[in-house]
Amino acid sequence: SPQEATEKEVERILALLQTHFTNDRQYAETPISFFEFVIDPNSFARTVENIFHVSFLIRDGLARLKLDENALPIIEPTKDEERRKDDHGAGARNQLVISLSHQEWK
């Protein structure tokens, strides 16, 4: 079903994020540029799908977005203890709308 396909893709994206965050970085546990993580330079449609799937990770508290020192978004997976702590705070997780035109993607 489409819902199962979305769930599997969200799980795949989470695994990529966790692997990239802990193993593939020169400095382990360094946040990853959100745009580098989601943008597929060969496909605007795939980029939009990636952003869609990442939104579920944010909603479920499995990942978080922050701004770096240049006010650019960075993404990192959350740890289990962080998720438990965030679950108790009112409004601990927020989502937002991002606009990305085809021209901006290029």
PDB file of N, CA and C in Angstrom:
ATOM      1  N   SER A   1       0.847  -1.185   0.000  1.00  0.00           N
ATOM      2  CA  SER A   1       0.000   0.000   0.000  1.00  0.00           C
ATOM      3  C   SER A   1       0.890   1.244   0.000  1.00  0.00           C
ATOM      4  N   PRO A   2       0.361   2.381  -0.409  1.00  0.00           N
ATOM      5  CA  PRO A   2       1.158   3.609  -0.402  1.00  0.00           C
ATOM      6  C   PRO A   2       1.672   3.978   0.999  1.00  0.00           C
ATOM      7  N   GLN A   3       0.855   3.732   2.029  1.00  0.00           N
ATOM      8  CA  GLN A   3       1.288   4.052   3.397  1.00  0.00           C
ATOM      9  C   GLN A   3       2.478   3.194   3.800  1.00  0.00           C
ATOM     10  N   GLU A   4       2.436   1.906   3.459  1.00  0.00           N
ATOM     11  CA  GLU A   4       3.557   1.020   3.782  1.00  0.00           C
ATOM     12  C   GLU A   4       4.810   1.427   3.023  1.00  0.00           C
ATOM     13  N   ALA A   5       4.645   1.832   1.769  1.00  0.00           N
ATOM     14  CA  ALA A   5       5.790   2.281   0.968  1.00  0.00           C
ATOM     15  C   ALA A   5       6.414   3.523   1.579  1.00  0.00           C
ATOM     16  N   THR A   6       5.570   4.456   2.042  1.00  0.00           N
ATOM     17  CA  THR A   6       6.083   5.673   2.686  1.00  0.00           C
ATOM     18  C   THR A   6       6.825   5.318   3.965  1.00  0.00           C
ATOM     19  N   GLU A   7       6.258   4.433   4.769  1.00  0.00           N
ATOM     20  CA  GLU A   7       6.907   4.027   6.021  1.00  0.00           C
ATOM     21  C   GLU A   7       8.269   3.395   5.758  1.00  0.00           C
ATOM     22  N   LYS A   8       8.345   2.544   4.747  1.00  0.00           N
ATOM     23  CA  LYS A   8       9.626   1.909   4.417  1.00  0.00           C
ATOM     24  C   LYS A   8      10.650   2.941   3.948  1.00  0.00           C
ATOM     25  N   GLU A   9      10.208   3.914   3.167  1.00  0.00           N
ATOM     26  CA  GLU A   9      11.127   4.948   2.690  1.00  0.00           C
ATOM     27  C   GLU A   9      11.594   5.835   3.848  1.00  0.00           C
ATOM     28  N   VAL A  10      10.709   6.149   4.775  1.00  0.00           N
ATOM     29  CA  VAL A  10      11.091   6.938   5.949  1.00  0.00           C
ATOM     30  C   VAL A  10      12.128   6.168   6.768  1.00  0.00           C
ATOM     31  N   GLU A  11      11.922   4.870   6.938  1.00  0.00           N
ATOM     32  CA  GLU A  11      12.891   4.038   7.667  1.00  0.00           C
ATOM     33  C   GLU A  11      14.241   4.019   6.948  1.00  0.00           C
ATOM     34  N   ARG A  12      14.210   3.947   5.625  1.00  0.00           N
ATOM     35  CA  ARG A  12      15.450   3.946   4.840  1.00  0.00           C
ATOM     36  C   ARG A  12      16.195   5.275   4.993  1.00  0.00           C
ATOM     37  N   ILE A  13      15.457   6.376   4.943  1.00  0.00           N
ATOM     38  CA  ILE A  13      16.061   7.707   5.090  1.00  0.00           C
ATOM     39  C   ILE A  13      16.662   7.846   6.491  1.00  0.00           C
ATOM     40  N   LEU A  14      15.961   7.360   7.518  1.00  0.00           N
ATOM     41  CA  LEU A  14      16.486   7.422   8.879  1.00  0.00           C
ATOM     42  C   LEU A  14      17.782   6.627   8.988  1.00  0.00           C
ATOM     43  N   ALA A  15      17.816   5.448   8.409  1.00  0.00           N
ATOM     44  CA  ALA A  15      19.034   4.633   8.449  1.00  0.00           C
ATOM     45  C   ALA A  15      20.189   5.357   7.754  1.00  0.00           C
ATOM     46  N   LEU A  16      19.911   6.005   6.630  1.00  0.00           N
ATOM     47  CA  LEU A  16      20.950   6.767   5.934  1.00  0.00           C
ATOM     48  C   LEU A  16      21.457   7.912   6.805  1.00  0.00           C
ATOM     49  N   LEU A  17      20.523   8.618   7.435  1.00  0.00           N
ATOM     50  CA  LEU A  17      20.903   9.737   8.295  1.00  0.00           C
ATOM     51  C   LEU A  17      21.765   9.254   9.460  1.00  0.00           C
ATOM     52  N   GLN A  18      21.345   8.186  10.108  1.00  0.00           N
ATOM     53  CA  GLN A  18      22.100   7.667  11.252  1.00  0.00           C
ATOM     54  C   GLN A  18      23.484   7.185  10.829  1.00  0.00           C
ATOM     55  N   THR A  19      23.552   6.481   9.713  1.00  0.00           N
ATOM     56  CA  THR A  19      24.840   5.992   9.220  1.00  0.00           C
ATOM     57  C   THR A  19      25.750   7.147   8.843  1.00  0.00           C
ATOM     58  N   HIS A  20      25.224   8.099   8.111  1.00  0.00           N
ATOM     59  CA  HIS A  20      26.014   9.248   7.667  1.00  0.00           C
ATOM     60  C   HIS A  20      26.491  10.067   8.867  1.00  0.00           C
ATOM     61  N   PHE A  21      25.645  10.205   9.858  1.00  0.00           N
ATOM     62  CA  PHE A  21      25.959  11.012  11.034  1.00  0.00           C
ATOM     63  C   PHE A  21      27.038  10.369  11.898  1.00  0.00           C
ATOM     64  N   THR A  22      27.008   9.056  12.043  1.00  0.00           N
ATOM     65  CA  THR A  22      27.943   8.399  12.961  1.00  0.00           C
ATOM     66  C   THR A  22      29.174   7.805  12.287  1.00  0.00           C
ATOM     67  N   ASN A  23      29.047   7.368  11.048  1.00  0.00           N
ATOM     68  CA  ASN A  23      30.151   6.628  10.441  1.00  0.00           C
ATOM     69  C   ASN A  23      30.874   7.336   9.312  1.00  0.00           C
ATOM     70  N   ASP A  24      30.132   8.055   8.497  1.00  0.00           N
ATOM     71  CA  ASP A  24      30.699   8.555   7.250  1.00  0.00           C
ATOM     72  C   ASP A  24      31.242   9.973   7.329  1.00  0.00           C
ATOM     73  N   ARG A  25      31.183  10.601   8.476  1.00  0.00           N
ATOM     74  CA  ARG A  25      31.628  11.985   8.609  1.00  0.00           C
ATOM     75  C   ARG A  25      33.083  12.017   9.072  1.00  0.00           C
ATOM     76  N   GLN A  26      33.804  12.989   8.614  1.00  0.00           N
ATOM     77  CA  GLN A  26      35.184  13.147   9.056  1.00  0.00           C
ATOM     78  C   GLN A  26      35.210  13.335  10.571  1.00  0.00           C
ATOM     79  N   TYR A  27      34.273  14.096  11.072  1.00  0.00           N
ATOM     80  CA  TYR A  27      34.136  14.305  12.507  1.00  0.00           C
ATOM     81  C   TYR A  27      32.807  13.699  12.925  1.00  0.00           C
ATOM     82  N   ALA A  28      32.863  12.568  13.608  1.00  0.00           N
ATOM     83  CA  ALA A  28      31.638  11.868  13.989  1.00  0.00           C
ATOM     84  C   ALA A  28      30.712  12.798  14.764  1.00  0.00           C
ATOM     85  N   GLU A  29      29.444  12.617  14.536  1.00  0.00           N
ATOM     86  CA  GLU A  29      28.378  13.366  15.197  1.00  0.00           C
ATOM     87  C   GLU A  29      28.373  14.852  14.848  1.00  0.00           C
ATOM     88  N   THR A  30      28.875  15.183  13.671  1.00  0.00           N
ATOM     89  CA  THR A  30      28.788  16.546  13.165  1.00  0.00           C
ATOM     90  C   THR A  30      27.471  16.663  12.403  1.00  0.00           C
ATOM     91  N   PRO A  31      26.643  17.650  12.716  1.00  0.00           N
ATOM     92  CA  PRO A  31      25.378  17.801  11.984  1.00  0.00           C
ATOM     93  C   PRO A  31      25.610  17.912  10.480  1.00  0.00           C
ATOM     94  N   ILE A  32      24.612  17.503   9.743  1.00  0.00           N
ATOM     95  CA  ILE A  32      24.699  17.421   8.292  1.00  0.00           C
ATOM     96  C   ILE A  32      23.856  18.546   7.684  1.00  0.00           C
ATOM     97  N   SER A  33      24.354  19.160   6.655  1.00  0.00           N
ATOM     98  CA  SER A  33      23.584  20.176   5.946  1.00  0.00           C
ATOM     99  C   SER A  33      22.269  19.564   5.472  1.00  0.00           C
ATOM    100  N   PHE A  34      21.168  20.183   5.852  1.00  0.00           N
ATOM    101  CA  PHE A  34      19.850  19.689   5.449  1.00  0.00           C
ATOM    102  C   PHE A  34      19.751  19.622   3.930  1.00  0.00           C
ATOM    103  N   PHE A  35      20.194  20.676   3.265  1.00  0.00           N
ATOM    104  CA  PHE A  35      20.072  20.704   1.810  1.00  0.00           C
ATOM    105  C   PHE A  35      20.965  19.661   1.138  1.00  0.00           C
ATOM    106  N   GLU A  36      22.160  19.446   1.656  1.00  0.00           N
ATOM    107  CA  GLU A  36      23.018  18.397   1.095  1.00  0.00           C
ATOM    108  C   GLU A  36      22.386  17.026   1.288  1.00  0.00           C
ATOM    109  N   PHE A  37      21.683  16.853   2.385  1.00  0.00           N
ATOM    110  CA  PHE A  37      21.064  15.568   2.686  1.00  0.00           C
ATOM    111  C   PHE A  37      19.854  15.284   1.806  1.00  0.00           C
ATOM    112  N   VAL A  38      19.029  16.282   1.526  1.00  0.00           N
ATOM    113  CA  VAL A  38      17.776  16.015   0.819  1.00  0.00           C
ATOM    114  C   VAL A  38      17.819  16.271  -0.684  1.00  0.00           C
ATOM    115  N   ILE A  39      18.728  17.118  -1.142  1.00  0.00           N
ATOM    116  CA  ILE A  39      18.708  17.478  -2.567  1.00  0.00           C
ATOM    117  C   ILE A  39      19.351  16.393  -3.414  1.00  0.00           C
ATOM    118  N   ASP A  40      18.591  15.948  -4.403  1.00  0.00           N
ATOM    119  CA  ASP A  40      19.106  15.051  -5.429  1.00  0.00           C
ATOM    120  C   ASP A  40      19.426  15.936  -6.629  1.00  0.00           C
ATOM    121  N   PRO A  41      20.707  16.107  -6.958  1.00  0.00           N
ATOM    122  CA  PRO A  41      21.068  17.043  -8.035  1.00  0.00           C
ATOM    123  C   PRO A  41      20.553  16.629  -9.411  1.00  0.00           C
ATOM    124  N   ASN A  42      20.077  15.389  -9.525  1.00  0.00           N
ATOM    125  CA  ASN A  42      19.592  14.907 -10.818  1.00  0.00           C
ATOM    126  C   ASN A  42      18.074  14.858 -10.919  1.00  0.00           C
ATOM    127  N   SER A  43      17.364  15.139  -9.800  1.00  0.00           N
ATOM    128  CA  SER A  43      15.920  14.992  -9.834  1.00  0.00           C
ATOM    129  C   SER A  43      15.236  15.938  -8.848  1.00  0.00           C
ATOM    130  N   PHE A  44      14.479  16.883  -9.399  1.00  0.00           N
ATOM    131  CA  PHE A  44      13.692  17.774  -8.556  1.00  0.00           C
ATOM    132  C   PHE A  44      12.609  16.988  -7.826  1.00  0.00           C
ATOM    133  N   ALA A  45      11.963  16.065  -8.525  1.00  0.00           N
ATOM    134  CA  ALA A  45      10.898  15.267  -7.912  1.00  0.00           C
ATOM    135  C   ALA A  45      11.433  14.446  -6.734  1.00  0.00           C
ATOM    136  N   ARG A  46      12.587  13.852  -6.910  1.00  0.00           N
ATOM    137  CA  ARG A  46      13.179  13.050  -5.819  1.00  0.00           C
ATOM    138  C   ARG A  46      13.544  13.959  -4.638  1.00  0.00           C
ATOM    139  N   THR A  47      13.988  15.158  -4.914  1.00  0.00           N
ATOM    140  CA  THR A  47      14.296  16.119  -3.847  1.00  0.00           C
ATOM    141  C   THR A  47      13.047  16.412  -3.028  1.00  0.00           C
ATOM    142  N   VAL A  48      11.937  16.662  -3.704  1.00  0.00           N
ATOM    143  CA  VAL A  48      10.676  16.930  -3.008  1.00  0.00           C
ATOM    144  C   VAL A  48      10.265  15.713  -2.178  1.00  0.00           C
ATOM    145  N   GLU A  49      10.409  14.525  -2.737  1.00  0.00           N
ATOM    146  CA  GLU A  49      10.077  13.304  -1.992  1.00  0.00           C
ATOM    147  C   GLU A  49      10.974  13.163  -0.757  1.00  0.00           C
ATOM    148  N   ASN A  50      12.247  13.471  -0.893  1.00  0.00           N
ATOM    149  CA  ASN A  50      13.162  13.381   0.244  1.00  0.00           C
ATOM    150  C   ASN A  50      12.733  14.324   1.369  1.00  0.00           C
ATOM    151  N   ILE A  51      12.365  15.544   1.010  1.00  0.00           N
ATOM    152  CA  ILE A  51      11.912  16.517   2.012  1.00  0.00           C
ATOM    153  C   ILE A  51      10.636  16.001   2.687  1.00  0.00           C
ATOM    154  N   PHE A  52       9.743  15.438   1.906  1.00  0.00           N
ATOM    155  CA  PHE A  52       8.507  14.863   2.443  1.00  0.00           C
ATOM    156  C   PHE A  52       8.816  13.770   3.458  1.00  0.00           C
ATOM    157  N   HIS A  53       9.703  12.853   3.115  1.00  0.00           N
ATOM    158  CA  HIS A  53      10.025  11.748   4.019  1.00  0.00           C
ATOM    159  C   HIS A  53      10.757  12.229   5.274  1.00  0.00           C
ATOM    160  N   VAL A  54      11.632  13.198   5.127  1.00  0.00           N
ATOM    161  CA  VAL A  54      12.329  13.746   6.289  1.00  0.00           C
ATOM    162  C   VAL A  54      11.339  14.408   7.246  1.00  0.00           C
ATOM    163  N   SER A  55      10.266  14.974   6.709  1.00  0.00           N
ATOM    164  CA  SER A  55       9.274  15.622   7.580  1.00  0.00           C
ATOM    165  C   SER A  55       8.684  14.640   8.581  1.00  0.00           C
ATOM    166  N   PHE A  56       8.556  13.369   8.211  1.00  0.00           N
ATOM    167  CA  PHE A  56       8.057  12.360   9.148  1.00  0.00           C
ATOM    168  C   PHE A  56       9.067  12.105  10.260  1.00  0.00           C
ATOM    169  N   LEU A  57      10.349  12.138   9.924  1.00  0.00           N
ATOM    170  CA  LEU A  57      11.386  11.955  10.946  1.00  0.00           C
ATOM    171  C   LEU A  57      11.327  13.087  11.966  1.00  0.00           C
ATOM    172  N   ILE A  58      11.111  14.299  11.493  1.00  0.00           N
ATOM    173  CA  ILE A  58      11.015  15.453  12.382  1.00  0.00           C
ATOM    174  C   ILE A  58       9.754  15.324  13.248  1.00  0.00           C
ATOM    175  N   ARG A  59       8.638  15.036  12.605  1.00  0.00           N
ATOM    176  CA  ARG A  59       7.363  14.909  13.325  1.00  0.00           C
ATOM    177  C   ARG A  59       7.435  13.865  14.434  1.00  0.00           C
ATOM    178  N   ASP A  60       8.093  12.747  14.143  1.00  0.00           N
ATOM    179  CA  ASP A  60       8.156  11.641  15.098  1.00  0.00           C
ATOM    180  C   ASP A  60       9.303  11.784  16.099  1.00  0.00           C
ATOM    181  N   GLY A  61      10.062  12.870  15.991  1.00  0.00           N
ATOM    182  CA  GLY A  61      11.151  13.103  16.935  1.00  0.00           C
ATOM    183  C   GLY A  61      12.375  12.246  16.691  1.00  0.00           C
ATOM    184  N   LEU A  62      12.498  11.647  15.509  1.00  0.00           N
ATOM    185  CA  LEU A  62      13.639  10.796  15.181  1.00  0.00           C
ATOM    186  C   LEU A  62      14.826  11.592  14.653  1.00  0.00           C
ATOM    187  N   ALA A  63      14.549  12.819  14.248  1.00  0.00           N
ATOM    188  CA  ALA A  63      15.596  13.722  13.766  1.00  0.00           C
ATOM    189  C   ALA A  63      15.173  15.130  14.139  1.00  0.00           C
ATOM    190  N   ARG A  64      16.133  16.042  14.103  1.00  0.00           N
ATOM    191  CA  ARG A  64      15.806  17.437  14.386  1.00  0.00           C
ATOM    192  C   ARG A  64      16.592  18.344  13.460  1.00  0.00           C
ATOM    193  N   LEU A  65      15.995  19.501  13.218  1.00  0.00           N
ATOM    194  CA  LEU A  65      16.637  20.537  12.417  1.00  0.00           C
ATOM    195  C   LEU A  65      17.024  21.671  13.345  1.00  0.00           C
ATOM    196  N   LYS A  66      18.180  22.238  13.079  1.00  0.00           N
ATOM    197  CA  LYS A  66      18.657  23.426  13.787  1.00  0.00           C
ATOM    198  C   LYS A  66      19.311  24.324  12.752  1.00  0.00           C
ATOM    199  N   LEU A  67      19.650  25.515  13.162  1.00  0.00           N
ATOM    200  CA  LEU A  67      20.391  26.415  12.282  1.00  0.00           C
ATOM    201  C   LEU A  67      21.844  26.427  12.715  1.00  0.00           C
ATOM    202  N   ASP A  68      22.744  26.413  11.740  1.00  0.00           N
ATOM    203  CA  ASP A  68      24.170  26.479  12.057  1.00  0.00           C
ATOM    204  C   ASP A  68      24.585  27.937  12.264  1.00  0.00           C
ATOM    205  N   GLU A  69      25.877  28.169  12.405  1.00  0.00           N
ATOM    206  CA  GLU A  69      26.374  29.521  12.671  1.00  0.00           C
ATOM    207  C   GLU A  69      26.117  30.487  11.516  1.00  0.00           C
ATOM    208  N   ASN A  70      25.816  29.958  10.322  1.00  0.00           N
ATOM    209  CA  ASN A  70      25.494  30.795   9.164  1.00  0.00           C
ATOM    210  C   ASN A  70      23.986  30.886   8.915  1.00  0.00           C
ATOM    211  N   ALA A  71      23.205  30.429   9.877  1.00  0.00           N
ATOM    212  CA  ALA A  71      21.743  30.415   9.804  1.00  0.00           C
ATOM    213  C   ALA A  71      21.225  29.512   8.681  1.00  0.00           C
ATOM    214  N   LEU A  72      21.973  28.459   8.374  1.00  0.00           N
ATOM    215  CA  LEU A  72      21.543  27.459   7.402  1.00  0.00           C
ATOM    216  C   LEU A  72      21.077  26.217   8.163  1.00  0.00           C
ATOM    217  N   PRO A  73      20.052  25.531   7.645  1.00  0.00           N
ATOM    218  CA  PRO A  73      19.520  24.377   8.372  1.00  0.00           C
ATOM    219  C   PRO A  73      20.467  23.176   8.336  1.00  0.00           C
ATOM    220  N   ILE A  74      20.578  22.531   9.490  1.00  0.00           N
ATOM    221  CA  ILE A  74      21.346  21.294   9.611  1.00  0.00           C
ATOM    222  C   ILE A  74      20.415  20.249  10.217  1.00  0.00           C
ATOM    223  N   ILE A  75      20.681  18.993   9.913  1.00  0.00           N
ATOM    224  CA  ILE A  75      19.851  17.901  10.389  1.00  0.00           C
ATOM    225  C   ILE A  75      20.728  16.907  11.137  1.00  0.00           C
ATOM    226  N   GLU A  76      20.155  16.328  12.178  1.00  0.00           N
ATOM    227  CA  GLU A  76      20.856  15.292  12.925  1.00  0.00           C
ATOM    228  C   GLU A  76      19.832  14.356  13.534  1.00  0.00           C
ATOM    229  N   PRO A  77      20.192  13.075  13.654  1.00  0.00           N
ATOM    230  CA  PRO A  77      19.268  12.149  14.316  1.00  0.00           C
ATOM    231  C   PRO A  77      19.245  12.443  15.809  1.00  0.00           C
ATOM    232  N   THR A  78      18.131  12.145  16.447  1.00  0.00           N
ATOM    233  CA  THR A  78      18.048  12.322  17.890  1.00  0.00           C
ATOM    234  C   THR A  78      18.412  11.007  18.572  1.00  0.00           C
ATOM    235  N   LYS A  79      18.878  11.125  19.788  1.00  0.00           N
ATOM    236  CA  LYS A  79      19.202   9.946  20.585  1.00  0.00           C
ATOM    237  C   LYS A  79      17.967   9.551  21.374  1.00  0.00           C
ATOM    238  N   ASP A  80      17.898   8.294  21.798  1.00  0.00           N
ATOM    239  CA  ASP A  80      16.730   7.791  22.522  1.00  0.00           C
ATOM    240  C   ASP A  80      16.392   8.646  23.729  1.00  0.00           C
ATOM    241  N   GLU A  81      17.400   9.005  24.515  1.00  0.00           N
ATOM    242  CA  GLU A  81      17.124   9.782  25.725  1.00  0.00           C
ATOM    243  C   GLU A  81      16.619  11.188  25.378  1.00  0.00           C
ATOM    244  N   GLU A  82      17.068  11.740  24.254  1.00  0.00           N
ATOM    245  CA  GLU A  82      16.576  13.050  23.820  1.00  0.00           C
ATOM    246  C   GLU A  82      15.111  12.954  23.406  1.00  0.00           C
ATOM    247  N   ARG A  83      14.740  11.858  22.739  1.00  0.00           N
ATOM    248  CA  ARG A  83      13.352  11.670  22.317  1.00  0.00           C
ATOM    249  C   ARG A  83      12.424  11.568  23.512  1.00  0.00           C
ATOM    250  N   ARG A  84      12.842  10.829  24.522  1.00  0.00           N
ATOM    251  CA  ARG A  84      12.009  10.687  25.724  1.00  0.00           C
ATOM    252  C   ARG A  84      11.829  12.043  26.403  1.00  0.00           C
ATOM    253  N   LYS A  85      12.895  12.822  26.504  1.00  0.00           N
ATOM    254  CA  LYS A  85      12.819  14.139  27.139  1.00  0.00           C
ATOM    255  C   LYS A  85      11.914  15.069  26.336  1.00  0.00           C
ATOM    256  N   ASP A  86      12.058  15.062  25.004  1.00  0.00           N
ATOM    257  CA  ASP A  86      11.259  15.937  24.148  1.00  0.00           C
ATOM    258  C   ASP A  86       9.783  15.569  24.173  1.00  0.00           C
ATOM    259  N   ASP A  87       9.465  14.302  24.394  1.00  0.00           N
ATOM    260  CA  ASP A  87       8.071  13.874  24.421  1.00  0.00           C
ATOM    261  C   ASP A  87       7.291  14.503  25.566  1.00  0.00           C
ATOM    262  N   HIS A  88       8.000  14.928  26.610  1.00  0.00           N
ATOM    263  CA  HIS A  88       7.319  15.472  27.773  1.00  0.00           C
ATOM    264  C   HIS A  88       7.084  16.972  27.678  1.00  0.00           C
ATOM    265  N   GLY A  89       7.766  17.656  26.793  1.00  0.00           N
ATOM    266  CA  GLY A  89       7.612  19.109  26.678  1.00  0.00           C
ATOM    267  C   GLY A  89       6.462  19.480  25.764  1.00  0.00           C
ATOM    268  N   ALA A  90       5.703  20.472  26.153  1.00  0.00           N
ATOM    269  CA  ALA A  90       4.605  20.940  25.302  1.00  0.00           C
ATOM    270  C   ALA A  90       5.189  21.611  24.064  1.00  0.00           C
ATOM    271  N   GLY A  91       4.739  21.174  22.900  1.00  0.00           N
ATOM    272  CA  GLY A  91       5.219  21.774  21.656  1.00  0.00           C
ATOM    273  C   GLY A  91       6.688  21.521  21.408  1.00  0.00           C
ATOM    274  N   ALA A  92       7.198  20.381  21.892  1.00  0.00           N
ATOM    275  CA  ALA A  92       8.623  20.094  21.776  1.00  0.00           C
ATOM    276  C   ALA A  92       9.058  19.934  20.324  1.00  0.00           C
ATOM    277  N   ARG A  93       8.156  19.414  19.482  1.00  0.00           N
ATOM    278  CA  ARG A  93       8.503  19.218  18.075  1.00  0.00           C
ATOM    279  C   ARG A  93       7.563  20.055  17.221  1.00  0.00           C
ATOM    280  N   ASN A  94       8.154  20.783  16.323  1.00  0.00           N
ATOM    281  CA  ASN A  94       7.371  21.608  15.416  1.00  0.00           C
ATOM    282  C   ASN A  94       7.764  21.299  13.993  1.00  0.00           C
ATOM    283  N   GLN A  95       6.812  21.429  13.093  1.00  0.00           N
ATOM    284  CA  GLN A  95       7.089  21.296  11.676  1.00  0.00           C
ATOM    285  C   GLN A  95       6.851  22.654  11.032  1.00  0.00           C
ATOM    286  N   LEU A  96       7.422  22.840   9.865  1.00  0.00           N
ATOM    287  CA  LEU A  96       7.205  24.066   9.136  1.00  0.00           C
ATOM    288  C   LEU A  96       7.134  23.758   7.657  1.00  0.00           C
ATOM    289  N   VAL A  97       6.712  24.723   6.912  1.00  0.00           N
ATOM    290  CA  VAL A  97       6.586  24.573   5.464  1.00  0.00           C
ATOM    291  C   VAL A  97       7.825  25.170   4.822  1.00  0.00           C
ATOM    292  N   ILE A  98       8.354  24.463   3.848  1.00  0.00           N
ATOM    293  CA  ILE A  98       9.504  24.975   3.105  1.00  0.00           C
ATOM    294  C   ILE A  98       9.092  25.107   1.645  1.00  0.00           C
ATOM    295  N   SER A  99       9.495  26.182   1.048  1.00  0.00           N
ATOM    296  CA  SER A  99       9.205  26.425  -0.354  1.00  0.00           C
ATOM    297  C   SER A  99      10.495  26.230  -1.144  1.00  0.00           C
ATOM    298  N   LEU A 100      10.419  25.423  -2.184  1.00  0.00           N
ATOM    299  CA  LEU A 100      11.585  25.176  -3.028  1.00  0.00           C
ATOM    300  C   LEU A 100      11.095  25.074  -4.468  1.00  0.00           C
ATOM    301  N   SER A 101      11.365  26.093  -5.224  1.00  0.00           N
ATOM    302  CA  SER A 101      10.941  26.080  -6.632  1.00  0.00           C
ATOM    303  C   SER A 101      11.939  25.291  -7.463  1.00  0.00           C
ATOM    304  N   HIS A 102      11.526  24.952  -8.653  1.00  0.00           N
ATOM    305  CA  HIS A 102      12.414  24.237  -9.567  1.00  0.00           C
ATOM    306  C   HIS A 102      13.658  25.077  -9.866  1.00  0.00           C
ATOM    307  N   GLN A 103      13.472  26.376 -10.015  1.00  0.00           N
ATOM    308  CA  GLN A 103      14.600  27.272 -10.282  1.00  0.00           C
ATOM    309  C   GLN A 103      15.581  27.294  -9.107  1.00  0.00           C
ATOM    310  N   GLU A 104      15.061  27.380  -7.881  1.00  0.00           N
ATOM    311  CA  GLU A 104      15.934  27.360  -6.695  1.00  0.00           C
ATOM    312  C   GLU A 104      16.681  26.033  -6.591  1.00  0.00           C
ATOM    313  N   TRP A 105      16.006  24.946  -6.936  1.00  0.00           N
ATOM    314  CA  TRP A 105      16.637  23.624  -6.908  1.00  0.00           C
ATOM    315  C   TRP A 105      17.824  23.570  -7.864  1.00  0.00           C
ATOM    316  N   LYS A 106      17.644  24.141  -9.064  1.00  0.00           N
ATOM    317  CA  LYS A 106      18.727  24.147 -10.044  1.00  0.00           C
ATOM    318  C   LYS A 106      19.928  24.893  -9.495  1.00  0.00           C
TER     319      LYS A 106
END
